[in-house]
Each structure stands twice: as structure tokens, then as C-alpha cells.
Amino acid sequence: MNKIINLGKIKTSTFELIDITKAWLALSLAFAFVFSGFTLFSGNFFINIFSWQFLILFLISLVTAGLGFLLHELGHKFAAQHYGCAAEFRAYDQMLYLALGLAMLIGFIFAAPGAVMISGMLTRKENGIISAAGPLINYMLALIFLGLTFISTNSTANFIFWTGFQINSWLGLFNLIPFGMFDGKKILEWSRYVWGGMTALGIFYVFFFRSLI
């Protein structure tokens, strides 16, 4: 039974909370595989995934990838509710399996665990703004994690913060793919300049920023 739950101004349901939780866990596990370098073809796979190293990377991914995923989806949800729409996250089980499978096989993240389902009338601009909210939050989180690396003098904390920067940079850029159900398609339909600027920023974060520091 789907129970509606009110958390202050946030309206959610038991279905949404369950879907967010399983997507959060699956995506965090996929990122842990990628950052550990443990794949089915790397040898000793089943020994490695029960190691302390993998457990620590999974916990780090829960905080960095999990926070990025959760706030990304909440960004869509709150933006949609701002325009008077009903909005709830729904996980795509097949995409969760794909994300885990690719991470385990080849160490690649295909991060499309689900989407916020929106019900209501929207203009193209409003739909574009709602879609842009998620990747923009990832970019903001990436900058926050990056800033923390300059403040902290602890090597372990800096590893976590740098991981948070990398994950959120990748999540922001990945969701700008301009086709299918990705945010990038709806942003591009609204404004090619906004899409181009956000994509250029993501490419800089993901592929070129490390060489400048």
C-alpha cells in the first residue's frame, strides 16, 4: 500500500522512499566497483569485494554518490513542485541492473537509476529549468567538495572530498546527454546556450580540471 508522507513542505510516499533507497544503494555500489578497480576480469573478484578496502569505498560512495544522487532528484522534485506539479521519484530496476553489471564487468558507470515522474502542465522553459536543476546541484556539490579539499589537511578526508568532486562532476555531465530520458534533451529543447554552457563546464570538471591543480 502506498502511503503519502508529509515531511514539512516535502510530500513523498512509501513507494518513493523505497525506490530512492534501492537506487541510492545500487548506484553507490556501482561507484565502489569503479573506484576500487575490482571487476570480474581482474582476478580474485569475490575475495576483493569482501575486503575492508571495498567496504570503505562503498561507505564513501554512499556519502558522495548517494548525496549527489539524492539531491539531484530532490532538485527536480522541488523545481516541479514550484511550478505546481506533482512529482515523485521512481527507480528503473533494469537500469539499476545495467549500472551494476557494467561496473562489475568493465568498471564503467551508466548512471540512470530512475527519474522523477512529473504530472502537470509545463511550458518548454519550465520543463527545461526543472531538468537543469539536477545537474546544477551536482555541479554545486562538486564545488563544495573541491573547496573542502583546500581546507582540510587530513589525507583521508581529502580523498573523500576529491571522490565527491569526481562523482558529482560525472553525474552532472552524464545527465546532460541530449537524448532519451536524460535531462540534457529537455534542457537542449529549451535553450541550446544553457545546455552548451552546462556541458562545457562538466567537460572541464571531468576531463581537464585535474591537470590545472
C-alpha atoms as a PDB file:
ATOM      1  CA  MET A   1       0.000   0.000   0.000  1.00  0.00           C
ATOM      2  CA  ASN A   2       1.369   3.411  -0.999  1.00  0.00           C
ATOM      3  CA  LYS A   3       1.162   5.785   1.968  1.00  0.00           C
ATOM      4  CA  ILE A   4       1.532   9.530   1.444  1.00  0.00           C
ATOM      5  CA  ILE A   5       4.001  11.109   3.868  1.00  0.00           C
ATOM      6  CA  ASN A   6       4.368  14.836   4.559  1.00  0.00           C
ATOM      7  CA  LEU A   7       7.804  15.992   5.772  1.00  0.00           C
ATOM      8  CA  GLY A   8       7.298  19.699   6.272  1.00  0.00           C
ATOM      9  CA  LYS A   9       6.843  21.132   2.777  1.00  0.00           C
ATOM     10  CA  ILE A  10       8.065  17.882   1.210  1.00  0.00           C
ATOM     11  CA  LYS A  11       5.404  15.437   0.060  1.00  0.00           C
ATOM     12  CA  THR A  12       6.600  11.886  -0.507  1.00  0.00           C
ATOM     13  CA  SER A  13       5.315   8.310  -0.252  1.00  0.00           C
ATOM     14  CA  THR A  14       6.437   4.874   0.861  1.00  0.00           C
ATOM     15  CA  PHE A  15       6.942   3.860  -2.796  1.00  0.00           C
ATOM     16  CA  GLU A  16       9.193   6.853  -3.422  1.00  0.00           C
ATOM     17  CA  LEU A  17      11.261   6.260  -0.280  1.00  0.00           C
ATOM     18  CA  ILE A  18      11.755   2.581  -1.197  1.00  0.00           C
ATOM     19  CA  ASP A  19      12.741   3.432  -4.780  1.00  0.00           C
ATOM     20  CA  ILE A  20      15.158   6.167  -3.683  1.00  0.00           C
ATOM     21  CA  THR A  21      16.787   3.819  -1.164  1.00  0.00           C
ATOM     22  CA  LYS A  22      17.363   0.950  -3.605  1.00  0.00           C
ATOM     23  CA  ALA A  23      18.640   3.320  -6.317  1.00  0.00           C
ATOM     24  CA  TRP A  24      20.964   5.004  -3.801  1.00  0.00           C
ATOM     25  CA  LEU A  25      22.401   1.650  -2.682  1.00  0.00           C
ATOM     26  CA  ALA A  26      22.783   0.280  -6.225  1.00  0.00           C
ATOM     27  CA  LEU A  27      24.445   3.437  -7.582  1.00  0.00           C
ATOM     28  CA  SER A  28      26.795   3.657  -4.581  1.00  0.00           C
ATOM     29  CA  LEU A  29      27.771   0.008  -5.059  1.00  0.00           C
ATOM     30  CA  ALA A  30      28.444   0.610  -8.757  1.00  0.00           C
ATOM     31  CA  PHE A  31      30.716   3.570  -7.951  1.00  0.00           C
ATOM     32  CA  ALA A  32      32.527   1.450  -5.345  1.00  0.00           C
ATOM     33  CA  PHE A  33      33.324  -1.119  -8.068  1.00  0.00           C
ATOM     34  CA  VAL A  34      34.667   1.594 -10.358  1.00  0.00           C
ATOM     35  CA  PHE A  35      36.833   3.310  -7.740  1.00  0.00           C
ATOM     36  CA  SER A  36      38.184   0.012  -6.383  1.00  0.00           C
ATOM     37  CA  GLY A  37      39.113  -1.285  -9.831  1.00  0.00           C
ATOM     38  CA  PHE A  38      37.635  -4.672  -8.921  1.00  0.00           C
ATOM     39  CA  THR A  39      35.973  -6.271 -11.949  1.00  0.00           C
ATOM     40  CA  LEU A  40      35.017  -9.812 -12.842  1.00  0.00           C
ATOM     41  CA  PHE A  41      38.036  -9.925 -15.160  1.00  0.00           C
ATOM     42  CA  SER A  42      40.589  -8.508 -12.712  1.00  0.00           C
ATOM     43  CA  GLY A  43      41.032 -11.717 -10.701  1.00  0.00           C
ATOM     44  CA  ASN A  44      40.103 -12.576  -7.106  1.00  0.00           C
ATOM     45  CA  PHE A  45      36.850 -10.658  -7.573  1.00  0.00           C
ATOM     46  CA  PHE A  46      34.828 -12.371  -4.856  1.00  0.00           C
ATOM     47  CA  ILE A  47      37.711 -12.117  -2.399  1.00  0.00           C
ATOM     48  CA  ASN A  48      38.259  -8.420  -3.126  1.00  0.00           C
ATOM     49  CA  ILE A  49      34.633  -7.343  -2.734  1.00  0.00           C
ATOM     50  CA  PHE A  50      34.582  -8.732   0.809  1.00  0.00           C
ATOM     51  CA  SER A  51      37.735  -6.831   1.764  1.00  0.00           C
ATOM     52  CA  TRP A  52      37.941  -3.841   4.091  1.00  0.00           C
ATOM     53  CA  GLN A  53      39.147  -1.722   1.176  1.00  0.00           C
ATOM     54  CA  PHE A  54      35.970  -2.351  -0.791  1.00  0.00           C
ATOM     55  CA  LEU A  55      33.751  -1.793   2.254  1.00  0.00           C
ATOM     56  CA  ILE A  56      35.397   1.580   2.918  1.00  0.00           C
ATOM     57  CA  LEU A  57      34.977   2.620  -0.737  1.00  0.00           C
ATOM     58  CA  PHE A  58      31.333   1.582  -0.607  1.00  0.00           C
ATOM     59  CA  LEU A  59      30.747   3.705   2.503  1.00  0.00           C
ATOM     60  CA  ILE A  60      32.490   6.654   0.832  1.00  0.00           C
ATOM     61  CA  SER A  61      30.329   6.162  -2.256  1.00  0.00           C
ATOM     62  CA  LEU A  62      27.187   6.126  -0.102  1.00  0.00           C
ATOM     63  CA  VAL A  63      28.066   9.611   1.143  1.00  0.00           C
ATOM     64  CA  THR A  64      29.455  11.133  -2.058  1.00  0.00           C
ATOM     65  CA  ALA A  65      27.457   9.428  -4.819  1.00  0.00           C
ATOM     66  CA  GLY A  66      24.454   8.913  -2.569  1.00  0.00           C
ATOM     67  CA  LEU A  67      24.291  12.559  -1.569  1.00  0.00           C
ATOM     68  CA  GLY A  68      24.758  13.643  -5.178  1.00  0.00           C
ATOM     69  CA  PHE A  69      22.020  11.302  -6.417  1.00  0.00           C
ATOM     70  CA  LEU A  70      19.564  12.229  -3.655  1.00  0.00           C
ATOM     71  CA  LEU A  71      19.954  15.998  -4.007  1.00  0.00           C
ATOM     72  CA  HIS A  72      19.895  15.728  -7.828  1.00  0.00           C
ATOM     73  CA  GLU A  73      16.485  14.059  -7.716  1.00  0.00           C
ATOM     74  CA  LEU A  74      15.200  16.379  -4.989  1.00  0.00           C
ATOM     75  CA  GLY A  75      16.248  19.310  -7.181  1.00  0.00           C
ATOM     76  CA  HIS A  76      13.944  18.038  -9.929  1.00  0.00           C
ATOM     77  CA  LYS A  77      11.181  17.313  -7.419  1.00  0.00           C
ATOM     78  CA  PHE A  78      11.250  20.724  -5.710  1.00  0.00           C
ATOM     79  CA  ALA A  79      11.523  22.598  -9.018  1.00  0.00           C
ATOM     80  CA  ALA A  80       8.498  20.697 -10.358  1.00  0.00           C
ATOM     81  CA  GLN A  81       6.510  21.364  -7.198  1.00  0.00           C
ATOM     82  CA  HIS A  82       7.440  25.051  -7.504  1.00  0.00           C
ATOM     83  CA  TYR A  83       5.538  25.066 -10.799  1.00  0.00           C
ATOM     84  CA  GLY A  84       2.529  23.375  -9.198  1.00  0.00           C
ATOM     85  CA  CYS A  85       3.186  19.819 -10.409  1.00  0.00           C
ATOM     86  CA  ALA A  86       3.038  16.522  -8.553  1.00  0.00           C
ATOM     87  CA  ALA A  87       6.463  14.849  -8.628  1.00  0.00           C
ATOM     88  CA  GLU A  88       7.838  11.546  -7.312  1.00  0.00           C
ATOM     89  CA  PHE A  89      10.993   9.553  -7.995  1.00  0.00           C
ATOM     90  CA  ARG A  90      10.655   6.087  -9.499  1.00  0.00           C
ATOM     91  CA  ALA A  91      13.562   3.663  -9.899  1.00  0.00           C
ATOM     92  CA  TYR A  92      14.166   1.779 -13.152  1.00  0.00           C
ATOM     93  CA  ASP A  93      15.106  -1.716 -11.999  1.00  0.00           C
ATOM     94  CA  GLN A  94      16.556  -2.687 -15.393  1.00  0.00           C
ATOM     95  CA  MET A  95      18.816   0.375 -15.376  1.00  0.00           C
ATOM     96  CA  LEU A  96      19.977  -0.448 -11.841  1.00  0.00           C
ATOM     97  CA  TYR A  97      20.964  -3.935 -13.038  1.00  0.00           C
ATOM     98  CA  LEU A  98      22.725  -2.392 -16.049  1.00  0.00           C
ATOM     99  CA  ALA A  99      24.652   0.062 -13.865  1.00  0.00           C
ATOM    100  CA  LEU A 100      25.826  -2.719 -11.548  1.00  0.00           C
ATOM    101  CA  GLY A 101      26.593  -5.086 -14.426  1.00  0.00           C
ATOM    102  CA  LEU A 102      28.737  -2.605 -16.354  1.00  0.00           C
ATOM    103  CA  ALA A 103      30.564  -1.528 -13.185  1.00  0.00           C
ATOM    104  CA  MET A 104      31.334  -5.157 -12.291  1.00  0.00           C
ATOM    105  CA  LEU A 105      32.312  -6.173 -15.828  1.00  0.00           C
ATOM    106  CA  ILE A 106      34.282  -3.236 -17.212  1.00  0.00           C
ATOM    107  CA  GLY A 107      34.412  -0.626 -14.450  1.00  0.00           C
ATOM    108  CA  PHE A 108      32.124   1.876 -16.236  1.00  0.00           C
ATOM    109  CA  ILE A 109      29.265   3.849 -14.707  1.00  0.00           C
ATOM    110  CA  PHE A 110      25.991   4.178 -16.585  1.00  0.00           C
ATOM    111  CA  ALA A 111      24.169   6.296 -14.027  1.00  0.00           C
ATOM    112  CA  ALA A 112      20.479   6.298 -14.950  1.00  0.00           C
ATOM    113  CA  PRO A 113      18.875   4.676 -11.891  1.00  0.00           C
ATOM    114  CA  GLY A 114      15.479   6.288 -12.353  1.00  0.00           C
ATOM    115  CA  ALA A 115      13.691   9.588 -12.783  1.00  0.00           C
ATOM    116  CA  VAL A 116      11.288  11.975 -11.118  1.00  0.00           C
ATOM    117  CA  MET A 117       7.842  11.392 -12.597  1.00  0.00           C
ATOM    118  CA  ILE A 118       6.092  14.742 -13.065  1.00  0.00           C
ATOM    119  CA  SER A 119       2.365  15.268 -13.503  1.00  0.00           C
ATOM    120  CA  GLY A 120       1.116  18.694 -14.576  1.00  0.00           C
ATOM    121  CA  MET A 121       1.139  21.268 -17.354  1.00  0.00           C
ATOM    122  CA  LEU A 122       4.525  22.795 -18.106  1.00  0.00           C
ATOM    123  CA  THR A 123       5.947  25.124 -20.720  1.00  0.00           C
ATOM    124  CA  ARG A 124       9.138  24.148 -22.554  1.00  0.00           C
ATOM    125  CA  LYS A 125      11.074  26.676 -20.463  1.00  0.00           C
ATOM    126  CA  GLU A 126       9.678  25.361 -17.169  1.00  0.00           C
ATOM    127  CA  ASN A 127      10.460  21.799 -18.190  1.00  0.00           C
ATOM    128  CA  GLY A 128      13.992  22.865 -19.115  1.00  0.00           C
ATOM    129  CA  ILE A 129      14.522  24.619 -15.791  1.00  0.00           C
ATOM    130  CA  ILE A 130      13.257  21.584 -13.862  1.00  0.00           C
ATOM    131  CA  SER A 131      15.644  19.357 -15.848  1.00  0.00           C
ATOM    132  CA  ALA A 132      18.583  21.725 -15.302  1.00  0.00           C
ATOM    133  CA  ALA A 133      18.061  21.758 -11.519  1.00  0.00           C
ATOM    134  CA  GLY A 134      19.508  18.256 -11.031  1.00  0.00           C
ATOM    135  CA  PRO A 135      22.830  18.645 -12.890  1.00  0.00           C
ATOM    136  CA  LEU A 136      23.311  22.144 -11.447  1.00  0.00           C
ATOM    137  CA  ILE A 137      23.028  20.733  -7.934  1.00  0.00           C
ATOM    138  CA  ASN A 138      25.677  18.128  -8.819  1.00  0.00           C
ATOM    139  CA  TYR A 139      27.988  20.891 -10.031  1.00  0.00           C
ATOM    140  CA  MET A 140      27.388  22.881  -6.835  1.00  0.00           C
ATOM    141  CA  LEU A 141      28.136  19.812  -4.721  1.00  0.00           C
ATOM    142  CA  ALA A 142      31.288  19.205  -6.767  1.00  0.00           C
ATOM    143  CA  LEU A 143      32.476  22.735  -5.977  1.00  0.00           C
ATOM    144  CA  ILE A 144      31.692  22.280  -2.271  1.00  0.00           C
ATOM    145  CA  PHE A 145      33.674  19.024  -2.138  1.00  0.00           C
ATOM    146  CA  LEU A 146      36.501  20.679  -4.070  1.00  0.00           C
ATOM    147  CA  GLY A 147      36.566  23.604  -1.660  1.00  0.00           C
ATOM    148  CA  LEU A 148      36.799  21.210   1.269  1.00  0.00           C
ATOM    149  CA  THR A 149      39.951  19.662  -0.233  1.00  0.00           C
ATOM    150  CA  PHE A 150      41.678  23.051   0.086  1.00  0.00           C
ATOM    151  CA  ILE A 151      40.537  23.497   3.693  1.00  0.00           C
ATOM    152  CA  SER A 152      41.252  20.029   5.059  1.00  0.00           C
ATOM    153  CA  THR A 153      44.770  18.845   5.928  1.00  0.00           C
ATOM    154  CA  ASN A 154      43.697  15.247   6.579  1.00  0.00           C
ATOM    155  CA  SER A 155      44.654  12.885   3.758  1.00  0.00           C
ATOM    156  CA  THR A 156      41.698  10.535   4.342  1.00  0.00           C
ATOM    157  CA  ALA A 157      39.195  13.397   4.377  1.00  0.00           C
ATOM    158  CA  ASN A 158      40.790  14.860   1.262  1.00  0.00           C
ATOM    159  CA  PHE A 159      40.390  11.517  -0.531  1.00  0.00           C
ATOM    160  CA  ILE A 160      36.672  11.521   0.354  1.00  0.00           C
ATOM    161  CA  PHE A 161      36.242  15.139  -0.737  1.00  0.00           C
ATOM    162  CA  TRP A 162      38.079  14.579  -4.023  1.00  0.00           C
ATOM    163  CA  THR A 163      35.957  11.485  -4.650  1.00  0.00           C
ATOM    164  CA  GLY A 164      32.865  13.610  -4.035  1.00  0.00           C
ATOM    165  CA  PHE A 165      34.113  16.154  -6.564  1.00  0.00           C
ATOM    166  CA  GLN A 166      34.746  13.487  -9.209  1.00  0.00           C
ATOM    167  CA  ILE A 167      31.444  11.672  -8.695  1.00  0.00           C
ATOM    168  CA  ASN A 168      29.281  14.789  -8.754  1.00  0.00           C
ATOM    169  CA  SER A 169      31.120  16.223 -11.755  1.00  0.00           C
ATOM    170  CA  TRP A 170      30.471  12.976 -13.633  1.00  0.00           C
ATOM    171  CA  LEU A 171      26.814  12.768 -12.523  1.00  0.00           C
ATOM    172  CA  GLY A 172      26.190  16.331 -13.668  1.00  0.00           C
ATOM    173  CA  LEU A 173      27.813  15.806 -17.068  1.00  0.00           C
ATOM    174  CA  PHE A 174      26.318  12.349 -17.652  1.00  0.00           C
ATOM    175  CA  ASN A 175      22.784  13.622 -17.144  1.00  0.00           C
ATOM    176  CA  LEU A 176      23.320  16.228 -19.873  1.00  0.00           C
ATOM    177  CA  ILE A 177      23.290  13.552 -22.604  1.00  0.00           C
ATOM    178  CA  PRO A 178      20.878  15.169 -25.099  1.00  0.00           C
ATOM    179  CA  PHE A 179      18.578  12.263 -25.940  1.00  0.00           C
ATOM    180  CA  GLY A 180      16.186   9.744 -24.425  1.00  0.00           C
ATOM    181  CA  MET A 181      15.005  10.398 -20.880  1.00  0.00           C
ATOM    182  CA  PHE A 182      18.144  12.310 -19.891  1.00  0.00           C
ATOM    183  CA  ASP A 183      17.957  15.862 -18.548  1.00  0.00           C
ATOM    184  CA  GLY A 184      20.092  17.125 -21.407  1.00  0.00           C
ATOM    185  CA  LYS A 185      17.374  16.501 -24.007  1.00  0.00           C
ATOM    186  CA  LYS A 186      14.828  18.728 -22.250  1.00  0.00           C
ATOM    187  CA  ILE A 187      17.436  21.404 -21.479  1.00  0.00           C
ATOM    188  CA  LEU A 188      18.550  21.465 -25.127  1.00  0.00           C
ATOM    189  CA  GLU A 189      14.938  21.738 -26.317  1.00  0.00           C
ATOM    190  CA  TRP A 190      14.568  24.796 -24.090  1.00  0.00           C
ATOM    191  CA  SER A 191      17.933  26.526 -24.671  1.00  0.00           C
ATOM    192  CA  ARG A 192      20.958  25.301 -26.583  1.00  0.00           C
ATOM    193  CA  TYR A 193      23.025  28.030 -24.881  1.00  0.00           C
ATOM    194  CA  VAL A 194      22.192  26.787 -21.378  1.00  0.00           C
ATOM    195  CA  TRP A 195      22.829  23.180 -22.428  1.00  0.00           C
ATOM    196  CA  GLY A 196      26.117  24.117 -24.124  1.00  0.00           C
ATOM    197  CA  GLY A 197      27.354  26.094 -21.122  1.00  0.00           C
ATOM    198  CA  MET A 198      26.477  23.353 -18.645  1.00  0.00           C
ATOM    199  CA  THR A 199      28.058  20.679 -20.856  1.00  0.00           C
ATOM    200  CA  ALA A 200      31.256  22.694 -21.315  1.00  0.00           C
ATOM    201  CA  LEU A 201      31.513  23.176 -17.545  1.00  0.00           C
ATOM    202  CA  GLY A 202      31.041  19.449 -16.945  1.00  0.00           C
ATOM    203  CA  ILE A 203      33.662  18.502 -19.538  1.00  0.00           C
ATOM    204  CA  PHE A 204      36.099  20.922 -17.888  1.00  0.00           C
ATOM    205  CA  TYR A 205      35.438  19.468 -14.430  1.00  0.00           C
ATOM    206  CA  VAL A 206      35.676  15.824 -15.524  1.00  0.00           C
ATOM    207  CA  PHE A 207      38.484  15.846 -18.085  1.00  0.00           C
ATOM    208  CA  PHE A 208      40.653  18.948 -17.642  1.00  0.00           C
ATOM    209  CA  PHE A 209      40.439  20.265 -14.080  1.00  0.00           C
ATOM    210  CA  ARG A 210      42.900  17.805 -12.532  1.00  0.00           C
ATOM    211  CA  SER A 211      45.702  18.926 -14.867  1.00  0.00           C
ATOM    212  CA  LEU A 212      45.355  22.507 -13.644  1.00  0.00           C
ATOM    213  CA  ILE A 213      45.876  21.870  -9.918  1.00  0.00           C
END
